[in-house]
Amino acid sequence: MPASTPLPPGAGPRAIWQTGAEGRCLLLQGAWTREAGVSGVSVAAPEDGPASDGMPLTVDGGALDAWDAFGAAVLWTLLQRVQPPGRPLRWRSMPAGLQAVLALAQRPPATERVSATGEALPSDAAPSRRLAGREALRTLAFFGEVLMALGHWLRRPGDPRRMPRDELVRQLDLAGPLSIPIVSLTCALVGLMLAYMGGAQLDRMGAQGYIADVVAVGMVRELAGLMTGIILAGRLGAAYAAQLASMQAGEEVDALRALGLDPMALLVLPRLLALVIMAPLLIAYAAAVGILAGLPAASAVYGVSPGEYLARAVDSLTVTHVVVGLLKGTLYAALIALAGCREGLHAQRNAEAVGRATTRAVVKALVWIVAAACGTTVLVQSLGF
């Protein structure tokens, strides 16, 4: 193609094709700025069709009069349309700042790294680790704030600014009586399943009479607290996160701070104390439901009389079993409240963040419950209880 005619200074932006010994070249002319109307620039396809010689596409900016960030964005959009797939770009006589911006946009993603186990690590593994560290520190800070609010309330329990009693009563109702139906159904099914599974194994040895021992100890010591915790995580942990995240998005939490009130005392403590207070009662009820649910299976399938089943269930339980089960279940309840409130108060200020905080609260509560169950079981067994 013939060389283009130079434009007078301040002329509008243009982009024309040229061909030479170094391959195809896109010549930029005029002022590539918003004021000069750079948004109306378009680049037609070359008249000789797409090049197939594998040579790089050259962008010549020697005739540019001026450019701004908007012009750079328009230029990059045009280059994406005319650049053949896999064809590298080469710059000629480009302003230093414009070439740096385009080179930054052209930079390819970092190559994936491989871990010691052969798994691919994303290029942002280091930022992810830093983010995980900040999240852990934020969680520890949240725990500290909760402990400080709890200490202030214990020193002055009658101060309504520390924790309103009507809110505590409302949370007790939500955590206790309204949770009984789902706790009853779930723990009854678990107790029935445990009786069937335990009876199938004990029946091989002719030890059907020990079904009550397996069901009673299993429900009281482990399963009642664990199942109740899982139910409360889905029912109340998610609700706590959604409620507080909605308040965070609506700037209600900021309004409390502006009024000189402590959100930890007004929002977190009632939910935490309600779950901690109601957890032992719910767990005791769940354990009783699970033990009684195992009675039909032991009696109808394995021939254990109801009287014998109930007597052996009572005899197999000790104070240690009851205390361990109640303490572990109460710990699970506290972790559920902390996970829900933590995610709710640290959510971002939009509708999507509310759903994300709810999901994270349930997942985090379940992970904390399982980790606490494993840790406490190993500790209690190591101590001989």
Foldseek 3Di string as FASTA:
>chain_A
DDDDDADDAQAAWEWAWDQDPQGIEIEIAHELEVVSPVVPYAYDADPVHDDDPLGAYEYEDQRYNYHDPVSLVSVLVRCVVHGPPPHHYHYHNDPPVSVVVSVVVVDDADDWDADPVGDTDHPCNVVVVVVVVVVVVLLVVLVVVLVVLVVVCVVPVPDVLSENPVLLVVLLCVQAPVCVVVLLVVLLVVLQVQLVVVCVVVVVVPPLLCSLLRLLLCLQQPVLLLVSLLSCLLRPLLVLQLVLQQCVLVCVCVVCVVVVGDCSRYRQVSNLVSLLVRQLVSSVVSSVSSSVSNQVCSCVPVNDDSVSSVVSNVVSDDPVSNVNSSVLSSVLSNLSSSLSNSLNNPFDNDPVSSVVSSVRSSVRSNVVSVVSSVVSVVVCVVVPD
